[in-house]
Amino acid sequence: MRHEVIVSFGPGEEVGIALDGLEAMSYEEARTWLDQQFLLNECEPMRGSGKVLAVDKILSVANAVGLVAFQNEEWAQQYARAVSAALSKGQVRVDLVALTAR
């Protein structure tokens, strides 16, 4: 099974990041990395309650940095490693139009 994270910004705007051969991140490392990126990119909570779930951070960070950031291979790999670890899945599709990460 191939391990990868696919980020879809809309029709024809997808980025696939292969995880094969990359060192896995622990859940805590992933959480810390996503927290830092959420703050660094000035993301806002998606829920009225102010509660921010891991999936909210995954979606918010990708949306905030946009397609251009994923052209930086090192950053894209860090994002993919964090997403995979945070969701405990080898294959993840992040869909920014549908607001899902599964």
PDB file of N, CA and C in Angstrom:
ATOM      1  N   MET A   1       0.841  -1.184   0.000  1.00  0.00           N
ATOM      2  CA  MET A   1       0.000   0.000   0.000  1.00  0.00           C
ATOM      3  C   MET A   1       0.886   1.248   0.000  1.00  0.00           C
ATOM      4  N   ARG A   2       0.570   2.163  -0.852  1.00  0.00           N
ATOM      5  CA  ARG A   2       1.317   3.408  -0.951  1.00  0.00           C
ATOM      6  C   ARG A   2       0.833   4.376   0.136  1.00  0.00           C
ATOM      7  N   HIS A   3       1.779   5.013   0.794  1.00  0.00           N
ATOM      8  CA  HIS A   3       1.435   5.991   1.818  1.00  0.00           C
ATOM      9  C   HIS A   3       1.609   7.391   1.237  1.00  0.00           C
ATOM     10  N   GLU A   4       0.527   8.176   1.289  1.00  0.00           N
ATOM     11  CA  GLU A   4       0.598   9.531   0.750  1.00  0.00           C
ATOM     12  C   GLU A   4      -0.509  10.407   1.326  1.00  0.00           C
ATOM     13  N   VAL A   5      -0.279  11.704   1.189  1.00  0.00           N
ATOM     14  CA  VAL A   5      -1.290  12.688   1.548  1.00  0.00           C
ATOM     15  C   VAL A   5      -1.588  13.473   0.274  1.00  0.00           C
ATOM     16  N   ILE A   6      -2.857  13.560  -0.060  1.00  0.00           N
ATOM     17  CA  ILE A   6      -3.291  14.330  -1.223  1.00  0.00           C
ATOM     18  C   ILE A   6      -4.050  15.539  -0.703  1.00  0.00           C
ATOM     19  N   VAL A   7      -3.665  16.715  -1.178  1.00  0.00           N
ATOM     20  CA  VAL A   7      -4.339  17.950  -0.789  1.00  0.00           C
ATOM     21  C   VAL A   7      -5.020  18.498  -2.034  1.00  0.00           C
ATOM     22  N   SER A   8      -6.342  18.652  -1.960  1.00  0.00           N
ATOM     23  CA  SER A   8      -7.119  19.157  -3.085  1.00  0.00           C
ATOM     24  C   SER A   8      -7.621  20.566  -2.774  1.00  0.00           C
ATOM     25  N   PHE A   9      -7.234  21.497  -3.648  1.00  0.00           N
ATOM     26  CA  PHE A   9      -7.676  22.880  -3.520  1.00  0.00           C
ATOM     27  C   PHE A   9      -8.890  23.153  -4.399  1.00  0.00           C
ATOM     28  N   GLY A  10      -9.246  22.183  -5.217  1.00  0.00           N
ATOM     29  CA  GLY A  10     -10.360  22.318  -6.137  1.00  0.00           C
ATOM     30  C   GLY A  10     -10.062  21.518  -7.392  1.00  0.00           C
ATOM     31  N   PRO A  11     -10.971  21.548  -8.365  1.00  0.00           N
ATOM     32  CA  PRO A  11     -10.759  20.785  -9.598  1.00  0.00           C
ATOM     33  C   PRO A  11      -9.442  21.162 -10.282  1.00  0.00           C
ATOM     34  N   GLY A  12      -8.631  20.160 -10.551  1.00  0.00           N
ATOM     35  CA  GLY A  12      -7.352  20.391 -11.231  1.00  0.00           C
ATOM     36  C   GLY A  12      -6.261  20.982 -10.370  1.00  0.00           C
ATOM     37  N   GLU A  13      -6.523  21.168  -9.100  1.00  0.00           N
ATOM     38  CA  GLU A  13      -5.527  21.757  -8.194  1.00  0.00           C
ATOM     39  C   GLU A  13      -5.275  20.811  -7.031  1.00  0.00           C
ATOM     40  N   GLU A  14      -4.552  19.733  -7.325  1.00  0.00           N
ATOM     41  CA  GLU A  14      -4.239  18.726  -6.317  1.00  0.00           C
ATOM     42  C   GLU A  14      -2.736  18.558  -6.197  1.00  0.00           C
ATOM     43  N   VAL A  15      -2.313  18.282  -4.971  1.00  0.00           N
ATOM     44  CA  VAL A  15      -0.915  17.996  -4.698  1.00  0.00           C
ATOM     45  C   VAL A  15      -0.864  16.657  -3.980  1.00  0.00           C
ATOM     46  N   GLY A  16      -0.048  15.756  -4.480  1.00  0.00           N
ATOM     47  CA  GLY A  16       0.170  14.470  -3.827  1.00  0.00           C
ATOM     48  C   GLY A  16       1.553  14.441  -3.210  1.00  0.00           C
ATOM     49  N   ILE A  17       1.634  14.085  -1.949  1.00  0.00           N
ATOM     50  CA  ILE A  17       2.909  14.027  -1.233  1.00  0.00           C
ATOM     51  C   ILE A  17       3.123  12.602  -0.755  1.00  0.00           C
ATOM     52  N   ALA A  18       4.116  11.941  -1.332  1.00  0.00           N
ATOM     53  CA  ALA A  18       4.423  10.558  -0.970  1.00  0.00           C
ATOM     54  C   ALA A  18       5.130  10.524   0.379  1.00  0.00           C
ATOM     55  N   LEU A  19       4.717   9.577   1.210  1.00  0.00           N
ATOM     56  CA  LEU A  19       5.327   9.409   2.533  1.00  0.00           C
ATOM     57  C   LEU A  19       6.308   8.240   2.577  1.00  0.00           C
ATOM     58  N   ASP A  20       6.302   7.417   1.529  1.00  0.00           N
ATOM     59  CA  ASP A  20       7.201   6.260   1.492  1.00  0.00           C
ATOM     60  C   ASP A  20       8.649   6.725   1.627  1.00  0.00           C
ATOM     61  N   GLY A  21       9.365   6.120   2.562  1.00  0.00           N
ATOM     62  CA  GLY A  21      10.764   6.456   2.776  1.00  0.00           C
ATOM     63  C   GLY A  21      11.003   7.620   3.723  1.00  0.00           C
ATOM     64  N   LEU A  22       9.941   8.299   4.151  1.00  0.00           N
ATOM     65  CA  LEU A  22      10.092   9.408   5.091  1.00  0.00           C
ATOM     66  C   LEU A  22       9.919   8.891   6.514  1.00  0.00           C
ATOM     67  N   GLU A  23      10.662   9.472   7.424  1.00  0.00           N
ATOM     68  CA  GLU A  23      10.544   9.085   8.834  1.00  0.00           C
ATOM     69  C   GLU A  23       9.174   9.502   9.354  1.00  0.00           C
ATOM     70  N   ALA A  24       8.524   8.593  10.060  1.00  0.00           N
ATOM     71  CA  ALA A  24       7.213   8.890  10.630  1.00  0.00           C
ATOM     72  C   ALA A  24       7.344   9.873  11.784  1.00  0.00           C
ATOM     73  N   MET A  25       6.324  10.673  11.972  1.00  0.00           N
ATOM     74  CA  MET A  25       6.254  11.608  13.086  1.00  0.00           C
ATOM     75  C   MET A  25       5.408  10.980  14.178  1.00  0.00           C
ATOM     76  N   SER A  26       5.735  11.247  15.416  1.00  0.00           N
ATOM     77  CA  SER A  26       4.880  10.787  16.503  1.00  0.00           C
ATOM     78  C   SER A  26       3.639  11.687  16.559  1.00  0.00           C
ATOM     79  N   TYR A  27       2.614  11.228  17.238  1.00  0.00           N
ATOM     80  CA  TYR A  27       1.399  12.023  17.381  1.00  0.00           C
ATOM     81  C   TYR A  27       1.714  13.367  18.040  1.00  0.00           C
ATOM     82  N   GLU A  28       2.546  13.348  19.083  1.00  0.00           N
ATOM     83  CA  GLU A  28       2.888  14.595  19.791  1.00  0.00           C
ATOM     84  C   GLU A  28       3.665  15.558  18.898  1.00  0.00           C
ATOM     85  N   GLU A  29       4.614  15.027  18.113  1.00  0.00           N
ATOM     86  CA  GLU A  29       5.358  15.875  17.175  1.00  0.00           C
ATOM     87  C   GLU A  29       4.408  16.501  16.157  1.00  0.00           C
ATOM     88  N   ALA A  30       3.488  15.691  15.660  1.00  0.00           N
ATOM     89  CA  ALA A  30       2.524  16.181  14.673  1.00  0.00           C
ATOM     90  C   ALA A  30       1.651  17.281  15.267  1.00  0.00           C
ATOM     91  N   ARG A  31       1.178  17.040  16.463  1.00  0.00           N
ATOM     92  CA  ARG A  31       0.334  18.030  17.130  1.00  0.00           C
ATOM     93  C   ARG A  31       1.080  19.349  17.339  1.00  0.00           C
ATOM     94  N   THR A  32       2.324  19.251  17.777  1.00  0.00           N
ATOM     95  CA  THR A  32       3.136  20.447  17.991  1.00  0.00           C
ATOM     96  C   THR A  32       3.370  21.187  16.677  1.00  0.00           C
ATOM     97  N   TRP A  33       3.713  20.450  15.620  1.00  0.00           N
ATOM     98  CA  TRP A  33       3.982  21.069  14.324  1.00  0.00           C
ATOM     99  C   TRP A  33       2.731  21.775  13.802  1.00  0.00           C
ATOM    100  N   LEU A  34       1.585  21.098  13.868  1.00  0.00           N
ATOM    101  CA  LEU A  34       0.340  21.707  13.400  1.00  0.00           C
ATOM    102  C   LEU A  34      -0.042  22.927  14.239  1.00  0.00           C
ATOM    103  N   ASP A  35       0.165  22.853  15.553  1.00  0.00           N
ATOM    104  CA  ASP A  35      -0.100  24.012  16.424  1.00  0.00           C
ATOM    105  C   ASP A  35       0.750  25.208  16.004  1.00  0.00           C
ATOM    106  N   GLN A  36       2.039  24.955  15.772  1.00  0.00           N
ATOM    107  CA  GLN A  36       2.960  26.034  15.378  1.00  0.00           C
ATOM    108  C   GLN A  36       2.546  26.648  14.047  1.00  0.00           C
ATOM    109  N   GLN A  37       2.204  25.798  13.082  1.00  0.00           N
ATOM    110  CA  GLN A  37       1.796  26.300  11.767  1.00  0.00           C
ATOM    111  C   GLN A  37       0.470  27.053  11.848  1.00  0.00           C
ATOM    112  N   PHE A  38      -0.433  26.590  12.679  1.00  0.00           N
ATOM    113  CA  PHE A  38      -1.724  27.251  12.872  1.00  0.00           C
ATOM    114  C   PHE A  38      -1.503  28.677  13.384  1.00  0.00           C
ATOM    115  N   LEU A  39      -0.609  28.829  14.352  1.00  0.00           N
ATOM    116  CA  LEU A  39      -0.315  30.149  14.911  1.00  0.00           C
ATOM    117  C   LEU A  39       0.502  30.998  13.946  1.00  0.00           C
ATOM    118  N   LEU A  40       1.532  30.410  13.347  1.00  0.00           N
ATOM    119  CA  LEU A  40       2.416  31.123  12.423  1.00  0.00           C
ATOM    120  C   LEU A  40       1.643  31.712  11.240  1.00  0.00           C
ATOM    121  N   ASN A  41       0.665  30.976  10.759  1.00  0.00           N
ATOM    122  CA  ASN A  41      -0.107  31.417   9.595  1.00  0.00           C
ATOM    123  C   ASN A  41      -1.387  32.152   9.968  1.00  0.00           C
ATOM    124  N   GLU A  42      -1.502  32.491  11.250  1.00  0.00           N
ATOM    125  CA  GLU A  42      -2.602  33.291  11.778  1.00  0.00           C
ATOM    126  C   GLU A  42      -3.975  32.716  11.399  1.00  0.00           C
ATOM    127  N   CYS A  43      -4.100  31.409  11.557  1.00  0.00           N
ATOM    128  CA  CYS A  43      -5.363  30.732  11.268  1.00  0.00           C
ATOM    129  C   CYS A  43      -6.378  31.043  12.362  1.00  0.00           C
ATOM    130  N   GLU A  44      -7.625  31.029  11.983  1.00  0.00           N
ATOM    131  CA  GLU A  44      -8.718  31.304  12.912  1.00  0.00           C
ATOM    132  C   GLU A  44      -9.496  30.016  13.188  1.00  0.00           C
ATOM    133  N   PRO A  45     -10.032  29.854  14.397  1.00  0.00           N
ATOM    134  CA  PRO A  45     -10.867  28.684  14.680  1.00  0.00           C
ATOM    135  C   PRO A  45     -12.043  28.620  13.713  1.00  0.00           C
ATOM    136  N   MET A  46     -12.377  27.412  13.292  1.00  0.00           N
ATOM    137  CA  MET A  46     -13.466  27.221  12.334  1.00  0.00           C
ATOM    138  C   MET A  46     -14.818  27.110  13.021  1.00  0.00           C
ATOM    139  N   ARG A  47     -14.811  26.839  14.311  1.00  0.00           N
ATOM    140  CA  ARG A  47     -16.052  26.609  15.062  1.00  0.00           C
ATOM    141  C   ARG A  47     -16.358  27.815  15.956  1.00  0.00           C
ATOM    142  N   GLY A  48     -17.621  28.103  16.081  1.00  0.00           N
ATOM    143  CA  GLY A  48     -18.058  29.217  16.914  1.00  0.00           C
ATOM    144  C   GLY A  48     -17.669  29.057  18.369  1.00  0.00           C
ATOM    145  N   SER A  49     -17.502  27.808  18.813  1.00  0.00           N
ATOM    146  CA  SER A  49     -17.142  27.550  20.202  1.00  0.00           C
ATOM    147  C   SER A  49     -15.689  27.917  20.489  1.00  0.00           C
ATOM    148  N   GLY A  50     -14.889  28.070  19.427  1.00  0.00           N
ATOM    149  CA  GLY A  50     -13.479  28.371  19.610  1.00  0.00           C
ATOM    150  C   GLY A  50     -12.622  27.129  19.748  1.00  0.00           C
ATOM    151  N   LYS A  51     -13.256  25.974  19.870  1.00  0.00           N
ATOM    152  CA  LYS A  51     -12.522  24.719  19.983  1.00  0.00           C
ATOM    153  C   LYS A  51     -11.885  24.403  18.632  1.00  0.00           C
ATOM    154  N   VAL A  52     -10.615  23.979  18.659  1.00  0.00           N
ATOM    155  CA  VAL A  52      -9.897  23.685  17.427  1.00  0.00           C
ATOM    156  C   VAL A  52      -9.464  22.220  17.446  1.00  0.00           C
ATOM    157  N   LEU A  53     -10.054  21.433  16.567  1.00  0.00           N
ATOM    158  CA  LEU A  53      -9.720  20.021  16.448  1.00  0.00           C
ATOM    159  C   LEU A  53      -8.522  19.849  15.515  1.00  0.00           C
ATOM    160  N   ALA A  54      -7.876  18.693  15.582  1.00  0.00           N
ATOM    161  CA  ALA A  54      -6.726  18.419  14.714  1.00  0.00           C
ATOM    162  C   ALA A  54      -7.108  18.589  13.249  1.00  0.00           C
ATOM    163  N   VAL A  55      -8.271  18.087  12.858  1.00  0.00           N
ATOM    164  CA  VAL A  55      -8.693  18.209  11.462  1.00  0.00           C
ATOM    165  C   VAL A  55      -8.891  19.669  11.073  1.00  0.00           C
ATOM    166  N   ASP A  56      -9.343  20.496  12.007  1.00  0.00           N
ATOM    167  CA  ASP A  56      -9.484  21.931  11.738  1.00  0.00           C
ATOM    168  C   ASP A  56      -8.126  22.557  11.449  1.00  0.00           C
ATOM    169  N   LYS A  57      -7.117  22.155  12.208  1.00  0.00           N
ATOM    170  CA  LYS A  57      -5.764  22.675  11.991  1.00  0.00           C
ATOM    171  C   LYS A  57      -5.227  22.224  10.641  1.00  0.00           C
ATOM    172  N   ILE A  58      -5.455  20.963  10.305  1.00  0.00           N
ATOM    173  CA  ILE A  58      -5.008  20.417   9.024  1.00  0.00           C
ATOM    174  C   ILE A  58      -5.604  21.217   7.871  1.00  0.00           C
ATOM    175  N   LEU A  59      -6.902  21.460   7.922  1.00  0.00           N
ATOM    176  CA  LEU A  59      -7.590  22.205   6.873  1.00  0.00           C
ATOM    177  C   LEU A  59      -7.183  23.675   6.867  1.00  0.00           C
ATOM    178  N   SER A  60      -7.135  24.287   8.027  1.00  0.00           N
ATOM    179  CA  SER A  60      -6.830  25.714   8.133  1.00  0.00           C
ATOM    180  C   SER A  60      -5.420  26.035   7.659  1.00  0.00           C
ATOM    181  N   VAL A  61      -4.469  25.207   8.035  1.00  0.00           N
ATOM    182  CA  VAL A  61      -3.082  25.448   7.628  1.00  0.00           C
ATOM    183  C   VAL A  61      -2.951  25.345   6.115  1.00  0.00           C
ATOM    184  N   ALA A  62      -3.489  24.281   5.523  1.00  0.00           N
ATOM    185  CA  ALA A  62      -3.407  24.114   4.068  1.00  0.00           C
ATOM    186  C   ALA A  62      -4.073  25.277   3.345  1.00  0.00           C
ATOM    187  N   ASN A  63      -5.226  25.694   3.842  1.00  0.00           N
ATOM    188  CA  ASN A  63      -5.938  26.810   3.236  1.00  0.00           C
ATOM    189  C   ASN A  63      -5.151  28.118   3.369  1.00  0.00           C
ATOM    190  N   ALA A  64      -4.548  28.335   4.525  1.00  0.00           N
ATOM    191  CA  ALA A  64      -3.813  29.582   4.772  1.00  0.00           C
ATOM    192  C   ALA A  64      -2.556  29.695   3.915  1.00  0.00           C
ATOM    193  N   VAL A  65      -1.835  28.605   3.745  1.00  0.00           N
ATOM    194  CA  VAL A  65      -0.570  28.678   2.993  1.00  0.00           C
ATOM    195  C   VAL A  65      -0.796  28.586   1.495  1.00  0.00           C
ATOM    196  N   GLY A  66      -1.881  27.961   1.078  1.00  0.00           N
ATOM    197  CA  GLY A  66      -2.206  27.872  -0.333  1.00  0.00           C
ATOM    198  C   GLY A  66      -1.334  26.902  -1.113  1.00  0.00           C
ATOM    199  N   LEU A  67      -1.665  26.761  -2.348  1.00  0.00           N
ATOM    200  CA  LEU A  67      -1.010  25.828  -3.253  1.00  0.00           C
ATOM    201  C   LEU A  67       0.480  26.116  -3.403  1.00  0.00           C
ATOM    202  N   VAL A  68       0.858  27.368  -3.371  1.00  0.00           N
ATOM    203  CA  VAL A  68       2.260  27.755  -3.559  1.00  0.00           C
ATOM    204  C   VAL A  68       3.179  27.141  -2.510  1.00  0.00           C
ATOM    205  N   ALA A  69       2.757  27.087  -1.265  1.00  0.00           N
ATOM    206  CA  ALA A  69       3.595  26.530  -0.196  1.00  0.00           C
ATOM    207  C   ALA A  69       3.907  25.066  -0.429  1.00  0.00           C
ATOM    208  N   PHE A  70       3.019  24.361  -1.101  1.00  0.00           N
ATOM    209  CA  PHE A  70       3.219  22.936  -1.350  1.00  0.00           C
ATOM    210  C   PHE A  70       4.259  22.685  -2.438  1.00  0.00           C
ATOM    211  N   GLN A  71       4.703  23.735  -3.100  1.00  0.00           N
ATOM    212  CA  GLN A  71       5.795  23.610  -4.069  1.00  0.00           C
ATOM    213  C   GLN A  71       7.142  23.513  -3.354  1.00  0.00           C
ATOM    214  N   ASN A  72       7.173  23.897  -2.085  1.00  0.00           N
ATOM    215  CA  ASN A  72       8.373  23.733  -1.254  1.00  0.00           C
ATOM    216  C   ASN A  72       8.342  22.301  -0.736  1.00  0.00           C
ATOM    217  N   GLU A  73       9.163  21.439  -1.318  1.00  0.00           N
ATOM    218  CA  GLU A  73       9.118  20.014  -1.013  1.00  0.00           C
ATOM    219  C   GLU A  73       9.325  19.713   0.470  1.00  0.00           C
ATOM    220  N   GLU A  74      10.251  20.402   1.100  1.00  0.00           N
ATOM    221  CA  GLU A  74      10.531  20.152   2.521  1.00  0.00           C
ATOM    222  C   GLU A  74       9.308  20.482   3.375  1.00  0.00           C
ATOM    223  N   TRP A  75       8.688  21.644   3.116  1.00  0.00           N
ATOM    224  CA  TRP A  75       7.508  22.029   3.895  1.00  0.00           C
ATOM    225  C   TRP A  75       6.363  21.048   3.623  1.00  0.00           C
ATOM    226  N   ALA A  76       6.156  20.698   2.361  1.00  0.00           N
ATOM    227  CA  ALA A  76       5.069  19.786   1.998  1.00  0.00           C
ATOM    228  C   ALA A  76       5.238  18.429   2.681  1.00  0.00           C
ATOM    229  N   GLN A  77       6.460  17.938   2.745  1.00  0.00           N
ATOM    230  CA  GLN A  77       6.709  16.662   3.410  1.00  0.00           C
ATOM    231  C   GLN A  77       6.439  16.749   4.908  1.00  0.00           C
ATOM    232  N   GLN A  78       6.816  17.841   5.527  1.00  0.00           N
ATOM    233  CA  GLN A  78       6.529  18.030   6.957  1.00  0.00           C
ATOM    234  C   GLN A  78       5.020  18.048   7.195  1.00  0.00           C
ATOM    235  N   TYR A  79       4.306  18.767   6.333  1.00  0.00           N
ATOM    236  CA  TYR A  79       2.846  18.825   6.441  1.00  0.00           C
ATOM    237  C   TYR A  79       2.261  17.423   6.318  1.00  0.00           C
ATOM    238  N   ALA A  80       2.679  16.693   5.305  1.00  0.00           N
ATOM    239  CA  ALA A  80       2.158  15.346   5.073  1.00  0.00           C
ATOM    240  C   ALA A  80       2.467  14.413   6.236  1.00  0.00           C
ATOM    241  N   ARG A  81       3.674  14.479   6.770  1.00  0.00           N
ATOM    242  CA  ARG A  81       4.040  13.648   7.919  1.00  0.00           C
ATOM    243  C   ARG A  81       3.156  13.981   9.119  1.00  0.00           C
ATOM    244  N   ALA A  82       2.919  15.274   9.341  1.00  0.00           N
ATOM    245  CA  ALA A  82       2.096  15.707  10.476  1.00  0.00           C
ATOM    246  C   ALA A  82       0.651  15.260  10.299  1.00  0.00           C
ATOM    247  N   VAL A  83       0.117  15.405   9.101  1.00  0.00           N
ATOM    248  CA  VAL A  83      -1.265  14.997   8.827  1.00  0.00           C
ATOM    249  C   VAL A  83      -1.431  13.495   9.040  1.00  0.00           C
ATOM    250  N   SER A  84      -0.514  12.728   8.487  1.00  0.00           N
ATOM    251  CA  SER A  84      -0.573  11.272   8.613  1.00  0.00           C
ATOM    252  C   SER A  84      -0.527  10.835  10.074  1.00  0.00           C
ATOM    253  N   ALA A  85       0.368  11.435  10.842  1.00  0.00           N
ATOM    254  CA  ALA A  85       0.502  11.080  12.263  1.00  0.00           C
ATOM    255  C   ALA A  85      -0.703  11.553  13.081  1.00  0.00           C
ATOM    256  N   ALA A  86      -1.176  12.754  12.815  1.00  0.00           N
ATOM    257  CA  ALA A  86      -2.303  13.302  13.586  1.00  0.00           C
ATOM    258  C   ALA A  86      -3.570  12.478  13.383  1.00  0.00           C
ATOM    259  N   LEU A  87      -3.743  11.933  12.175  1.00  0.00           N
ATOM    260  CA  LEU A  87      -4.944  11.149  11.879  1.00  0.00           C
ATOM    261  C   LEU A  87      -4.693   9.645  11.969  1.00  0.00           C
ATOM    262  N   SER A  88      -3.445   9.266  12.237  1.00  0.00           N
ATOM    263  CA  SER A  88      -3.058   7.846  12.331  1.00  0.00           C
ATOM    264  C   SER A  88      -3.456   7.052  11.086  1.00  0.00           C
ATOM    265  N   LYS A  89      -3.166   7.638   9.915  1.00  0.00           N
ATOM    266  CA  LYS A  89      -3.503   6.994   8.643  1.00  0.00           C
ATOM    267  C   LYS A  89      -2.336   7.143   7.673  1.00  0.00           C
ATOM    268  N   GLY A  90      -2.134   6.113   6.868  1.00  0.00           N
ATOM    269  CA  GLY A  90      -1.087   6.138   5.853  1.00  0.00           C
ATOM    270  C   GLY A  90      -1.516   6.858   4.588  1.00  0.00           C
ATOM    271  N   GLN A  91      -2.803   6.835   4.297  1.00  0.00           N
ATOM    272  CA  GLN A  91      -3.337   7.536   3.138  1.00  0.00           C
ATOM    273  C   GLN A  91      -4.405   8.510   3.606  1.00  0.00           C
ATOM    274  N   VAL A  92      -4.211   9.773   3.233  1.00  0.00           N
ATOM    275  CA  VAL A  92      -5.155  10.813   3.649  1.00  0.00           C
ATOM    276  C   VAL A  92      -5.448  11.709   2.454  1.00  0.00           C
ATOM    277  N   ARG A  93      -6.701  12.090   2.335  1.00  0.00           N
ATOM    278  CA  ARG A  93      -7.104  13.083   1.334  1.00  0.00           C
ATOM    279  C   ARG A  93      -7.639  14.292   2.086  1.00  0.00           C
ATOM    280  N   VAL A  94      -6.996  15.424   1.874  1.00  0.00           N
ATOM    281  CA  VAL A  94      -7.412  16.687   2.469  1.00  0.00           C
ATOM    282  C   VAL A  94      -8.140  17.460   1.367  1.00  0.00           C
ATOM    283  N   ASP A  95      -9.423  17.655   1.539  1.00  0.00           N
ATOM    284  CA  ASP A  95     -10.245  18.317   0.527  1.00  0.00           C
ATOM    285  C   ASP A  95     -10.688  19.661   1.088  1.00  0.00           C
ATOM    286  N   LEU A  96     -10.101  20.734   0.568  1.00  0.00           N
ATOM    287  CA  LEU A  96     -10.402  22.057   1.100  1.00  0.00           C
ATOM    288  C   LEU A  96     -11.741  22.594   0.638  1.00  0.00           C
ATOM    289  N   VAL A  97     -12.288  22.053  -0.437  1.00  0.00           N
ATOM    290  CA  VAL A  97     -13.605  22.482  -0.895  1.00  0.00           C
ATOM    291  C   VAL A  97     -14.687  21.856  -0.017  1.00  0.00           C
ATOM    292  N   ALA A  98     -14.558  20.556   0.230  1.00  0.00           N
ATOM    293  CA  ALA A  98     -15.541  19.836   1.059  1.00  0.00           C
ATOM    294  C   ALA A  98     -15.241  19.979   2.554  1.00  0.00           C
ATOM    295  N   LEU A  99     -14.096  20.560   2.898  1.00  0.00           N
ATOM    296  CA  LEU A  99     -13.653  20.713   4.287  1.00  0.00           C
ATOM    297  C   LEU A  99     -13.581  19.363   5.012  1.00  0.00           C
ATOM    298  N   THR A 100     -12.896  18.407   4.373  1.00  0.00           N
ATOM    299  CA  THR A 100     -12.717  17.093   4.969  1.00  0.00           C
ATOM    300  C   THR A 100     -11.257  16.688   4.900  1.00  0.00           C
ATOM    301  N   ALA A 101     -10.870  15.849   5.834  1.00  0.00           N
ATOM    302  CA  ALA A 101      -9.531  15.237   5.842  1.00  0.00           C
ATOM    303  C   ALA A 101      -9.745  13.806   6.313  1.00  0.00           C
ATOM    304  N   ARG A 102      -9.631  12.866   5.391  1.00  0.00           N
ATOM    305  CA  ARG A 102      -9.829  11.461   5.748  1.00  0.00           C
ATOM    306  C   ARG A 102      -8.978  10.556   4.886  1.00  0.00           C
TER     307      ARG A 102
END
